[in-house]
N, C-alpha and C. Protein backbone atom coordinates (compact mmCIF):
# COMPACT_ATOMS: atom_id res chain seq x y z
N MET A 1 -18.41 4.42 3.33
CA MET A 1 -19.41 3.74 2.55
C MET A 1 -20.44 3.14 3.50
N HIS A 2 -21.67 3.09 3.06
CA HIS A 2 -22.76 2.61 3.91
C HIS A 2 -23.39 1.35 3.35
N GLN A 3 -23.80 0.49 4.24
CA GLN A 3 -24.63 -0.66 3.91
C GLN A 3 -25.46 -0.97 5.13
N ALA A 4 -26.73 -0.82 5.00
CA ALA A 4 -27.65 -1.10 6.11
C ALA A 4 -27.16 -0.45 7.40
N GLY A 5 -26.78 0.83 7.30
CA GLY A 5 -26.36 1.55 8.49
C GLY A 5 -24.90 1.40 8.85
N LYS A 6 -24.17 0.55 8.16
CA LYS A 6 -22.74 0.37 8.46
C LYS A 6 -21.92 1.41 7.71
N ILE A 7 -20.86 1.85 8.34
CA ILE A 7 -19.90 2.72 7.67
C ILE A 7 -18.63 1.89 7.51
N TRP A 8 -18.21 1.72 6.27
CA TRP A 8 -17.03 0.91 6.01
C TRP A 8 -15.79 1.77 6.14
N PRO A 9 -14.85 1.35 6.97
CA PRO A 9 -13.64 2.15 7.22
C PRO A 9 -12.72 2.18 6.00
N TRP A 10 -11.80 3.14 6.02
CA TRP A 10 -10.88 3.33 4.90
C TRP A 10 -10.01 2.10 4.66
N TRP A 11 -9.76 1.31 5.70
CA TRP A 11 -8.85 0.18 5.56
C TRP A 11 -9.51 -1.04 4.95
N GLN A 12 -10.77 -0.96 4.62
CA GLN A 12 -11.41 -2.04 3.88
C GLN A 12 -11.53 -1.61 2.43
N PRO A 13 -11.27 -2.43 1.50
CA PRO A 13 -11.11 -3.87 1.53
C PRO A 13 -9.67 -4.34 1.75
N TRP A 14 -8.76 -3.41 2.03
CA TRP A 14 -7.33 -3.75 2.11
C TRP A 14 -7.03 -4.83 3.14
N LEU A 15 -7.61 -4.73 4.32
CA LEU A 15 -7.33 -5.71 5.37
C LEU A 15 -7.84 -7.10 4.97
N ALA A 16 -9.06 -7.17 4.48
CA ALA A 16 -9.62 -8.46 4.05
C ALA A 16 -8.77 -9.07 2.93
N LEU A 17 -8.40 -8.25 1.95
CA LEU A 17 -7.56 -8.75 0.86
C LEU A 17 -6.22 -9.24 1.37
N GLY A 18 -5.60 -8.46 2.24
CA GLY A 18 -4.29 -8.84 2.77
C GLY A 18 -4.32 -10.14 3.55
N LEU A 19 -5.33 -10.32 4.37
CA LEU A 19 -5.42 -11.55 5.17
C LEU A 19 -5.70 -12.78 4.31
N PHE A 20 -6.65 -12.66 3.39
CA PHE A 20 -6.93 -13.80 2.51
C PHE A 20 -5.73 -14.08 1.60
N ALA A 21 -5.09 -13.04 1.12
CA ALA A 21 -3.90 -13.23 0.27
C ALA A 21 -2.81 -13.94 1.05
N PHE A 22 -2.60 -13.56 2.30
CA PHE A 22 -1.56 -14.22 3.09
C PHE A 22 -1.86 -15.71 3.25
N LEU A 23 -3.07 -16.02 3.64
CA LEU A 23 -3.43 -17.43 3.86
C LEU A 23 -3.26 -18.26 2.60
N LEU A 24 -3.79 -17.78 1.49
CA LEU A 24 -3.75 -18.57 0.25
C LEU A 24 -2.36 -18.64 -0.36
N HIS A 25 -1.64 -17.52 -0.36
CA HIS A 25 -0.28 -17.53 -0.93
C HIS A 25 0.66 -18.37 -0.08
N PHE A 26 0.49 -18.36 1.24
CA PHE A 26 1.36 -19.17 2.09
C PHE A 26 1.18 -20.65 1.78
N VAL A 27 -0.05 -21.09 1.63
CA VAL A 27 -0.31 -22.49 1.28
C VAL A 27 0.35 -22.80 -0.06
N TRP A 28 0.18 -21.92 -1.04
CA TRP A 28 0.78 -22.15 -2.37
C TRP A 28 2.30 -22.21 -2.25
N GLU A 29 2.88 -21.28 -1.52
CA GLU A 29 4.34 -21.27 -1.36
C GLU A 29 4.84 -22.58 -0.75
N MET A 30 4.15 -23.08 0.24
CA MET A 30 4.56 -24.34 0.88
C MET A 30 4.43 -25.51 -0.09
N LEU A 31 3.38 -25.51 -0.90
CA LEU A 31 3.18 -26.61 -1.84
C LEU A 31 4.22 -26.63 -2.95
N GLN A 32 4.77 -25.47 -3.30
CA GLN A 32 5.74 -25.45 -4.40
C GLN A 32 7.19 -25.55 -3.92
N VAL A 33 7.41 -25.83 -2.65
CA VAL A 33 8.77 -25.99 -2.10
C VAL A 33 9.62 -26.96 -2.94
N PRO A 34 9.11 -28.12 -3.35
CA PRO A 34 9.96 -29.05 -4.10
C PRO A 34 10.41 -28.52 -5.47
N LEU A 35 9.83 -27.43 -5.93
CA LEU A 35 10.17 -26.89 -7.25
C LEU A 35 11.32 -25.89 -7.21
N TYR A 36 11.77 -25.54 -6.01
CA TYR A 36 12.87 -24.59 -5.85
C TYR A 36 14.04 -25.31 -5.21
N ALA A 37 15.24 -25.12 -5.77
CA ALA A 37 16.42 -25.91 -5.43
C ALA A 37 16.76 -25.91 -3.94
N ARG A 38 16.95 -24.79 -3.34
CA ARG A 38 17.43 -24.76 -1.96
C ARG A 38 16.33 -25.07 -0.95
N LEU A 39 15.10 -24.87 -1.31
CA LEU A 39 14.01 -25.09 -0.35
C LEU A 39 13.78 -26.56 -0.05
N GLY A 40 13.92 -27.41 -1.06
CA GLY A 40 13.68 -28.83 -0.86
C GLY A 40 14.63 -29.45 0.15
N ALA A 41 15.86 -28.90 0.24
CA ALA A 41 16.87 -29.44 1.16
C ALA A 41 16.92 -28.67 2.48
N ALA A 42 16.13 -27.63 2.60
CA ALA A 42 16.16 -26.81 3.82
C ALA A 42 15.51 -27.54 4.98
N ARG A 43 15.93 -27.19 6.19
CA ARG A 43 15.27 -27.71 7.39
C ARG A 43 13.85 -27.16 7.41
N HIS A 44 12.98 -27.88 8.06
CA HIS A 44 11.55 -27.54 8.03
C HIS A 44 11.29 -26.09 8.43
N TRP A 45 11.77 -25.68 9.58
CA TRP A 45 11.47 -24.33 10.06
C TRP A 45 12.09 -23.28 9.15
N GLN A 46 13.27 -23.56 8.59
CA GLN A 46 13.90 -22.63 7.66
C GLN A 46 13.05 -22.47 6.41
N ALA A 47 12.51 -23.58 5.90
CA ALA A 47 11.64 -23.51 4.71
C ALA A 47 10.35 -22.75 5.03
N VAL A 48 9.80 -22.96 6.22
CA VAL A 48 8.58 -22.24 6.61
C VAL A 48 8.86 -20.74 6.65
N LEU A 49 9.98 -20.35 7.24
CA LEU A 49 10.32 -18.92 7.32
C LEU A 49 10.55 -18.31 5.94
N LEU A 50 11.24 -19.06 5.07
CA LEU A 50 11.45 -18.56 3.71
C LEU A 50 10.13 -18.41 2.96
N CYS A 51 9.25 -19.38 3.15
CA CYS A 51 7.93 -19.30 2.50
C CYS A 51 7.10 -18.15 3.07
N ALA A 52 7.23 -17.92 4.38
CA ALA A 52 6.51 -16.80 4.99
C ALA A 52 7.03 -15.47 4.45
N ARG A 53 8.34 -15.37 4.26
CA ARG A 53 8.92 -14.15 3.68
C ARG A 53 8.45 -13.95 2.25
N ALA A 54 8.44 -15.02 1.48
CA ALA A 54 7.95 -14.94 0.11
C ALA A 54 6.47 -14.55 0.10
N THR A 55 5.73 -15.07 1.06
CA THR A 55 4.31 -14.74 1.16
C THR A 55 4.12 -13.26 1.46
N GLY A 56 4.98 -12.69 2.28
CA GLY A 56 4.92 -11.25 2.53
C GLY A 56 5.04 -10.46 1.25
N GLY A 57 5.96 -10.88 0.38
CA GLY A 57 6.09 -10.24 -0.93
C GLY A 57 4.85 -10.44 -1.78
N ASP A 58 4.27 -11.65 -1.71
CA ASP A 58 3.05 -11.93 -2.46
C ASP A 58 1.91 -11.03 -2.01
N VAL A 59 1.80 -10.82 -0.69
CA VAL A 59 0.74 -9.96 -0.16
C VAL A 59 0.95 -8.52 -0.64
N ALA A 60 2.20 -8.06 -0.60
CA ALA A 60 2.49 -6.71 -1.10
C ALA A 60 2.10 -6.58 -2.57
N MET A 61 2.42 -7.61 -3.35
CA MET A 61 2.04 -7.59 -4.77
C MET A 61 0.52 -7.62 -4.94
N ALA A 62 -0.16 -8.40 -4.12
CA ALA A 62 -1.62 -8.48 -4.21
C ALA A 62 -2.25 -7.13 -3.90
N LEU A 63 -1.78 -6.48 -2.85
CA LEU A 63 -2.32 -5.18 -2.49
C LEU A 63 -1.98 -4.12 -3.54
N ALA A 64 -0.76 -4.18 -4.07
CA ALA A 64 -0.39 -3.24 -5.13
C ALA A 64 -1.22 -3.47 -6.39
N SER A 65 -1.48 -4.73 -6.72
CA SER A 65 -2.30 -5.04 -7.89
C SER A 65 -3.73 -4.55 -7.71
N TYR A 66 -4.26 -4.75 -6.51
CA TYR A 66 -5.61 -4.24 -6.21
C TYR A 66 -5.60 -2.71 -6.28
N GLY A 67 -4.53 -2.11 -5.76
CA GLY A 67 -4.39 -0.66 -5.82
C GLY A 67 -4.32 -0.14 -7.24
N ALA A 68 -3.62 -0.87 -8.11
CA ALA A 68 -3.55 -0.47 -9.52
C ALA A 68 -4.95 -0.49 -10.14
N ALA A 69 -5.72 -1.52 -9.80
CA ALA A 69 -7.10 -1.59 -10.31
C ALA A 69 -7.95 -0.49 -9.71
N ALA A 70 -7.71 -0.14 -8.45
CA ALA A 70 -8.45 0.96 -7.81
C ALA A 70 -8.14 2.29 -8.51
N LEU A 71 -6.87 2.48 -8.86
CA LEU A 71 -6.51 3.69 -9.60
C LEU A 71 -7.16 3.69 -10.98
N TRP A 72 -7.15 2.54 -11.64
CA TRP A 72 -7.72 2.43 -12.98
C TRP A 72 -9.22 2.73 -12.97
N THR A 73 -9.91 2.18 -11.98
CA THR A 73 -11.36 2.34 -11.90
C THR A 73 -11.77 3.59 -11.12
N HIS A 74 -10.80 4.27 -10.50
CA HIS A 74 -11.07 5.43 -9.63
C HIS A 74 -12.00 5.05 -8.48
N ASP A 75 -11.81 3.83 -7.94
CA ASP A 75 -12.74 3.33 -6.93
C ASP A 75 -12.05 2.26 -6.10
N ARG A 76 -11.79 2.53 -4.82
CA ARG A 76 -11.15 1.52 -3.97
C ARG A 76 -12.08 0.35 -3.69
N LEU A 77 -13.35 0.50 -3.92
CA LEU A 77 -14.33 -0.56 -3.67
C LEU A 77 -14.80 -1.23 -4.95
N TRP A 78 -13.97 -1.22 -5.99
CA TRP A 78 -14.38 -1.79 -7.27
C TRP A 78 -14.79 -3.25 -7.15
N LEU A 79 -14.21 -3.95 -6.21
CA LEU A 79 -14.52 -5.37 -6.03
C LEU A 79 -15.99 -5.59 -5.68
N SER A 80 -16.60 -4.63 -5.02
CA SER A 80 -17.98 -4.78 -4.57
C SER A 80 -19.00 -4.50 -5.67
N ARG A 81 -18.54 -4.01 -6.80
CA ARG A 81 -19.46 -3.61 -7.86
C ARG A 81 -19.46 -4.59 -9.02
N SER A 82 -20.58 -5.12 -9.34
CA SER A 82 -20.80 -6.01 -10.49
C SER A 82 -19.64 -6.97 -10.74
N ALA A 83 -19.33 -7.76 -9.76
CA ALA A 83 -18.29 -8.79 -9.84
C ALA A 83 -16.93 -8.23 -10.21
N GLY A 84 -16.70 -6.98 -9.90
CA GLY A 84 -15.37 -6.42 -10.10
C GLY A 84 -15.20 -5.62 -11.37
N GLY A 85 -16.11 -5.74 -12.32
CA GLY A 85 -16.03 -4.96 -13.55
C GLY A 85 -14.66 -5.00 -14.19
N SER A 86 -14.15 -3.83 -14.58
CA SER A 86 -12.84 -3.76 -15.25
C SER A 86 -11.69 -3.87 -14.26
N GLY A 87 -11.97 -3.84 -12.96
CA GLY A 87 -10.89 -3.94 -11.98
C GLY A 87 -10.22 -5.29 -11.95
N ARG A 88 -11.00 -6.35 -12.10
CA ARG A 88 -10.45 -7.70 -12.01
C ARG A 88 -9.36 -7.96 -13.05
N PRO A 89 -9.59 -7.70 -14.34
CA PRO A 89 -8.51 -7.96 -15.31
C PRO A 89 -7.28 -7.09 -15.06
N ILE A 90 -7.48 -5.86 -14.62
CA ILE A 90 -6.33 -4.99 -14.33
C ILE A 90 -5.55 -5.55 -13.15
N CYS A 91 -6.25 -5.98 -12.12
CA CYS A 91 -5.62 -6.56 -10.94
C CYS A 91 -4.82 -7.81 -11.32
N LEU A 92 -5.43 -8.71 -12.08
CA LEU A 92 -4.75 -9.95 -12.47
C LEU A 92 -3.57 -9.68 -13.38
N ALA A 93 -3.74 -8.79 -14.35
CA ALA A 93 -2.65 -8.49 -15.29
C ALA A 93 -1.47 -7.85 -14.57
N THR A 94 -1.75 -6.96 -13.63
CA THR A 94 -0.68 -6.30 -12.87
C THR A 94 0.11 -7.33 -12.06
N GLY A 95 -0.60 -8.21 -11.36
CA GLY A 95 0.06 -9.25 -10.58
C GLY A 95 0.86 -10.21 -11.44
N LEU A 96 0.29 -10.60 -12.56
CA LEU A 96 0.97 -11.54 -13.45
C LEU A 96 2.22 -10.91 -14.06
N LEU A 97 2.11 -9.69 -14.53
CA LEU A 97 3.26 -9.01 -15.11
C LEU A 97 4.37 -8.83 -14.07
N THR A 98 3.99 -8.43 -12.86
CA THR A 98 4.97 -8.27 -11.78
C THR A 98 5.65 -9.60 -11.47
N THR A 99 4.88 -10.68 -11.46
CA THR A 99 5.44 -12.01 -11.19
C THR A 99 6.46 -12.40 -12.24
N VAL A 100 6.13 -12.23 -13.49
CA VAL A 100 7.05 -12.60 -14.58
C VAL A 100 8.35 -11.80 -14.47
N VAL A 101 8.23 -10.50 -14.24
CA VAL A 101 9.43 -9.65 -14.14
C VAL A 101 10.26 -10.07 -12.92
N LEU A 102 9.62 -10.27 -11.76
CA LEU A 102 10.37 -10.64 -10.56
C LEU A 102 10.98 -12.04 -10.65
N GLU A 103 10.27 -12.98 -11.26
CA GLU A 103 10.85 -14.32 -11.44
C GLU A 103 12.10 -14.24 -12.32
N ARG A 104 12.01 -13.50 -13.42
CA ARG A 104 13.16 -13.38 -14.32
C ARG A 104 14.33 -12.74 -13.58
N LEU A 105 14.08 -11.66 -12.84
CA LEU A 105 15.15 -11.00 -12.11
C LEU A 105 15.75 -11.91 -11.03
N ASN A 106 14.90 -12.57 -10.25
CA ASN A 106 15.39 -13.40 -9.15
C ASN A 106 16.11 -14.65 -9.62
N VAL A 107 15.69 -15.22 -10.73
CA VAL A 107 16.33 -16.44 -11.21
C VAL A 107 17.57 -16.14 -12.04
N TYR A 108 17.50 -15.16 -12.94
CA TYR A 108 18.59 -14.97 -13.92
C TYR A 108 19.50 -13.79 -13.65
N VAL A 109 19.03 -12.76 -12.97
CA VAL A 109 19.86 -11.58 -12.73
C VAL A 109 20.45 -11.62 -11.32
N TRP A 110 19.60 -11.64 -10.31
CA TRP A 110 20.06 -11.62 -8.93
C TRP A 110 20.43 -13.01 -8.42
N GLN A 111 19.96 -14.03 -9.08
CA GLN A 111 20.19 -15.44 -8.71
C GLN A 111 19.84 -15.71 -7.25
N THR A 112 18.70 -15.17 -6.85
CA THR A 112 18.19 -15.35 -5.48
C THR A 112 17.71 -16.78 -5.28
N TRP A 113 17.11 -17.37 -6.31
CA TRP A 113 16.66 -18.75 -6.24
C TRP A 113 16.80 -19.41 -7.60
N THR A 114 16.77 -20.74 -7.57
CA THR A 114 16.85 -21.52 -8.81
C THR A 114 15.75 -22.57 -8.78
N TYR A 115 15.35 -22.97 -9.97
CA TYR A 115 14.33 -24.00 -10.11
C TYR A 115 14.98 -25.38 -10.08
N THR A 116 14.24 -26.36 -9.60
CA THR A 116 14.66 -27.75 -9.74
C THR A 116 14.21 -28.22 -11.12
N PRO A 117 14.72 -29.36 -11.58
CA PRO A 117 14.25 -29.90 -12.86
C PRO A 117 12.74 -30.21 -12.86
N ALA A 118 12.14 -30.35 -11.69
CA ALA A 118 10.71 -30.63 -11.61
C ALA A 118 9.84 -29.42 -11.96
N MET A 119 10.42 -28.21 -11.96
CA MET A 119 9.65 -27.00 -12.26
C MET A 119 9.42 -26.89 -13.76
N PRO A 120 8.18 -26.98 -14.21
CA PRO A 120 7.91 -26.74 -15.62
C PRO A 120 8.09 -25.24 -15.91
N THR A 121 8.67 -24.94 -17.06
CA THR A 121 8.92 -23.54 -17.40
C THR A 121 8.34 -23.20 -18.77
N LEU A 122 8.11 -21.94 -18.96
CA LEU A 122 7.68 -21.39 -20.24
C LEU A 122 8.52 -20.14 -20.47
N PHE A 123 9.33 -20.16 -21.50
CA PHE A 123 10.26 -19.07 -21.79
C PHE A 123 11.17 -18.79 -20.59
N GLY A 124 11.54 -19.85 -19.87
CA GLY A 124 12.45 -19.73 -18.75
C GLY A 124 11.82 -19.30 -17.43
N ILE A 125 10.53 -19.08 -17.43
CA ILE A 125 9.82 -18.67 -16.21
C ILE A 125 9.05 -19.87 -15.68
N GLY A 126 9.15 -20.11 -14.37
CA GLY A 126 8.44 -21.23 -13.77
C GLY A 126 6.93 -21.11 -13.91
N LEU A 127 6.29 -22.22 -14.26
CA LEU A 127 4.83 -22.20 -14.41
C LEU A 127 4.11 -22.16 -13.07
N ALA A 128 4.72 -22.68 -12.01
CA ALA A 128 4.07 -22.65 -10.70
C ALA A 128 3.80 -21.21 -10.24
N PRO A 129 4.79 -20.30 -10.30
CA PRO A 129 4.48 -18.93 -9.89
C PRO A 129 3.52 -18.23 -10.85
N VAL A 130 3.57 -18.59 -12.12
CA VAL A 130 2.61 -17.99 -13.06
C VAL A 130 1.19 -18.45 -12.73
N LEU A 131 1.03 -19.76 -12.50
CA LEU A 131 -0.29 -20.27 -12.11
C LEU A 131 -0.73 -19.69 -10.77
N GLN A 132 0.24 -19.50 -9.88
CA GLN A 132 -0.08 -18.91 -8.58
C GLN A 132 -0.78 -17.57 -8.77
N TRP A 133 -0.30 -16.77 -9.73
CA TRP A 133 -0.85 -15.44 -9.93
C TRP A 133 -2.05 -15.40 -10.85
N LEU A 134 -2.49 -16.59 -11.24
CA LEU A 134 -3.79 -16.69 -11.92
C LEU A 134 -4.84 -17.26 -10.96
N VAL A 135 -4.45 -18.25 -10.17
CA VAL A 135 -5.38 -18.96 -9.29
C VAL A 135 -5.61 -18.22 -7.97
N VAL A 136 -4.52 -17.91 -7.26
CA VAL A 136 -4.65 -17.35 -5.91
C VAL A 136 -5.35 -15.99 -5.91
N PRO A 137 -5.03 -15.06 -6.80
CA PRO A 137 -5.76 -13.79 -6.76
C PRO A 137 -7.26 -13.93 -7.03
N LEU A 138 -7.64 -14.83 -7.91
CA LEU A 138 -9.07 -15.04 -8.14
C LEU A 138 -9.76 -15.54 -6.88
N LEU A 139 -9.13 -16.49 -6.19
CA LEU A 139 -9.69 -16.98 -4.93
C LEU A 139 -9.70 -15.89 -3.86
N THR A 140 -8.63 -15.11 -3.80
CA THR A 140 -8.54 -14.02 -2.83
C THR A 140 -9.65 -13.01 -3.05
N LEU A 141 -9.84 -12.59 -4.30
CA LEU A 141 -10.88 -11.62 -4.62
C LEU A 141 -12.26 -12.17 -4.30
N TRP A 142 -12.47 -13.44 -4.63
CA TRP A 142 -13.77 -14.05 -4.36
C TRP A 142 -14.05 -14.11 -2.86
N LEU A 143 -13.04 -14.56 -2.08
CA LEU A 143 -13.22 -14.63 -0.63
C LEU A 143 -13.42 -13.25 -0.01
N ALA A 144 -12.64 -12.28 -0.45
CA ALA A 144 -12.77 -10.92 0.10
C ALA A 144 -14.15 -10.35 -0.23
N ARG A 145 -14.61 -10.57 -1.44
CA ARG A 145 -15.93 -10.08 -1.84
C ARG A 145 -17.02 -10.73 -0.98
N ARG A 146 -16.93 -12.03 -0.78
CA ARG A 146 -17.91 -12.74 0.06
C ARG A 146 -17.83 -12.26 1.51
N HIS A 147 -16.62 -12.06 1.98
CA HIS A 147 -16.44 -11.63 3.37
C HIS A 147 -17.01 -10.23 3.59
N LEU A 148 -16.73 -9.34 2.68
CA LEU A 148 -17.16 -7.96 2.85
C LEU A 148 -18.62 -7.75 2.49
N GLY A 149 -19.17 -8.65 1.69
CA GLY A 149 -20.54 -8.46 1.23
C GLY A 149 -20.58 -7.34 0.20
N THR A 150 -21.74 -6.99 -0.23
CA THR A 150 -21.88 -5.89 -1.17
C THR A 150 -21.81 -4.60 -0.38
N LEU A 151 -20.80 -3.81 -0.65
CA LEU A 151 -20.57 -2.60 0.13
C LEU A 151 -21.53 -1.48 -0.23
N LEU A 152 -21.95 -1.46 -1.45
CA LEU A 152 -22.84 -0.38 -1.88
C LEU A 152 -24.10 -0.98 -2.50
N PRO A 153 -25.20 -0.26 -2.43
CA PRO A 153 -26.42 -0.77 -3.08
C PRO A 153 -26.22 -0.90 -4.59
N PRO A 154 -26.97 -1.81 -5.24
CA PRO A 154 -26.84 -1.97 -6.69
C PRO A 154 -27.12 -0.66 -7.41
N GLY A 155 -26.41 -0.46 -8.50
CA GLY A 155 -26.60 0.73 -9.32
C GLY A 155 -25.82 1.93 -8.87
N ARG A 156 -25.11 1.87 -7.79
CA ARG A 156 -24.32 3.01 -7.30
C ARG A 156 -22.96 2.97 -7.93
C-alpha cells in the first residue's frame, strides 16, 4: 500500500495493533488483579507474570478479532478506511464473544481462575473482562489508526 511514496509492509497494521493491545491490556490486567481470587494474594512478581501471560492471550484475541474483521471486509487495512466501516463492529463482537466463552470455560469448566466477591458479574461472567473487551479494543484501534495514519487516499 502506498501513501506519499511509502510502501506499507505486510506486517502492518498487525504490529501496531499487537503493541498497542499489549500495552493497554497489560495495564487493564494489572488493575483488575483484586477481582481474581489467587492474584490478590500472589507475590508481586508472580502476579506480574500471570498478568503478562493473560495479556499474551489478550493480544492473540485482539489480532484474531482484527483478522476476523479483515476477512469480513476482505481488507487487512479496513481500519484505515472511513473510521473502520463495518470492520469495527465485527472486531468488537468477535473479541467480546470470545471473552464471554473463555471466561465461562476458565471459571466454570476448567476452573483456571475464580472471581473474588468484589467482581461484579452478569449471568455469572465477570463485568471487568467484558468491559475490558469493550474499552481496550476501541482504544487500541484508535491508537493504531493514529499511529499508522491514513494508509490509502480517500475514496480508495
